[in-house]
Protein backbone atom coordinates (compact mmCIF):
# COMPACT_ATOMS: atom_id res chain seq x y z
CA MET A 1 -28.70 -35.47 -58.04
CA ILE A 2 -29.16 -36.55 -54.39
CA VAL A 3 -25.23 -36.55 -53.97
CA ALA A 4 -25.04 -33.19 -55.57
CA HIS A 5 -27.98 -31.74 -53.40
CA LEU A 6 -26.28 -33.34 -50.26
CA GLN A 7 -22.60 -31.60 -51.33
CA GLU A 8 -24.61 -28.40 -51.55
CA ARG A 9 -26.31 -28.52 -47.96
CA MET A 10 -22.87 -29.72 -46.43
CA ASP A 11 -21.24 -26.76 -48.65
CA GLN A 12 -24.02 -24.25 -46.96
CA ARG A 13 -23.40 -25.75 -43.52
CA PHE A 14 -19.89 -25.50 -43.54
CA LYS A 15 -20.03 -21.94 -44.93
CA MET A 16 -22.60 -21.02 -41.80
CA VAL A 17 -19.98 -22.78 -39.70
CA ASP A 18 -16.97 -20.99 -41.28
CA LYS A 19 -18.93 -17.49 -40.82
CA ARG A 20 -20.05 -18.32 -37.15
CA PHE A 21 -16.27 -19.02 -36.18
CA LYS A 22 -15.41 -15.87 -38.04
CA ALA A 23 -17.61 -13.94 -35.67
CA VAL A 24 -16.11 -16.10 -32.67
CA ASP A 25 -12.86 -15.17 -33.66
CA LYS A 26 -13.62 -11.30 -34.07
CA ARG A 27 -15.14 -11.27 -30.49
CA PHE A 28 -11.93 -13.04 -29.20
CA ASP A 29 -9.97 -10.50 -30.81
CA GLU A 30 -11.97 -7.91 -29.39
CA VAL A 31 -11.74 -9.48 -25.58
CA ASP A 32 -8.17 -9.84 -26.40
CA LYS A 33 -7.81 -5.82 -27.25
CA ARG A 34 -9.70 -5.06 -24.12
CA PHE A 35 -7.49 -7.44 -22.06
CA ALA A 36 -4.30 -5.81 -23.35
CA GLN A 37 -5.95 -2.16 -22.50
CA VAL A 38 -6.75 -3.47 -19.10
CA ASP A 39 -3.23 -4.90 -18.75
CA ALA A 40 -1.82 -1.58 -19.71
CA ARG A 41 -3.80 0.27 -17.17
CA PHE A 42 -2.90 -2.16 -14.45
CA ASP A 43 0.52 -1.51 -15.27
CA ARG A 44 0.29 2.29 -15.18
CA LEU A 45 -1.68 2.04 -11.74
CA SER A 46 1.04 -0.51 -10.41
CA ILE A 47 3.83 2.18 -11.41
CA LYS A 48 1.84 5.03 -9.75
CA MET A 49 0.95 2.80 -6.71
CA ASP A 50 4.60 1.58 -6.26
CA ALA A 51 5.55 5.36 -6.21
CA GLY A 52 3.18 6.56 -3.97
CA PHE A 53 4.01 3.51 -1.36
CA ARG A 54 7.71 4.58 -1.81
CA SER A 55 6.96 8.10 -0.91
CA MET A 56 5.06 7.07 2.09
CA HIS A 57 7.54 4.72 3.22
CA ASP A 58 10.11 7.38 3.07
CA LYS A 59 8.12 9.83 4.66
CA LEU A 60 7.11 7.40 7.56
CA ASP A 61 11.19 6.81 7.98
CA LYS A 62 11.51 10.51 8.22
CA LEU A 63 8.73 10.42 10.73
CA THR A 64 10.05 7.61 12.79
CA ALA A 65 13.28 9.22 13.02
CA VAL A 66 11.77 12.60 14.28
CA LEU A 67 9.64 10.54 16.90
CA GLN A 68 12.71 8.61 17.90
CA ASN A 69 15.12 12.02 18.24
CA LEU A 70 11.63 13.38 20.35
CA ASP A 71 11.80 10.43 22.53
CA ASN A 72 15.35 10.65 22.87
CA LYS A 73 14.98 14.31 24.22
CA SER A 74 12.27 13.53 26.49
CA ASP A 75 13.98 10.74 28.03
CA HIS A 76 16.79 13.23 28.51
CA HIS A 77 14.58 16.04 29.88
CA PHE A 78 12.60 13.38 32.32
CA LYS A 79 15.83 12.43 33.58
CA ILE A 80 17.01 16.10 34.44
CA LEU A 81 13.60 16.73 35.85
CA ASN A 82 13.56 13.63 38.18
CA GLU A 83 17.10 14.61 39.12
CA HIS A 84 15.66 18.00 40.23
CA ASP A 85 12.87 16.55 41.99
CA GLU A 86 15.00 14.51 43.84
CA ARG A 87 17.35 17.43 44.68
CA LEU A 88 14.22 19.62 45.92
CA SER A 89 12.99 16.64 47.99
CA ASP A 90 16.31 16.18 49.77
CA LEU A 91 16.28 20.02 50.37
CA GLU A 92 13.03 19.90 51.92
CA THR A 93 13.65 16.81 53.89
CA TRP A 94 16.86 18.46 55.18
CA ARG A 95 14.97 21.78 55.84
CA ARG A 96 12.61 20.11 57.88
CA THR A 97 15.28 18.13 59.86
CA THR A 98 17.37 21.20 60.72
CA ARG A 99 14.13 22.87 61.77
CA ASN A 100 13.13 20.14 64.29
CA ILE A 101 16.83 19.84 65.73
CA ALA A 102 16.73 23.64 66.23
CA GLY A 103 13.35 23.68 67.67
């Protein structure tokens, strides 16, 4: 009777352990399912963010081209303005010297 009783107790313990293992397996399955959902969400966000970054990069490239064009134009205009300023300075100097000579 003692062996049968021990066997019965051990069977009960194994059943309890099996029951706990099943509960743990169920929790792990739920965690795995949640991780799969999070991974899918991250994949969707990554695709959206990549598209957004590409769009921003394209816009920045266009803006850089516009700014470079404006920079080139402003350099050209400042060059013309400096030439005109030099001519005016030369004319003013010439006028002063001609007045002093004549005067």
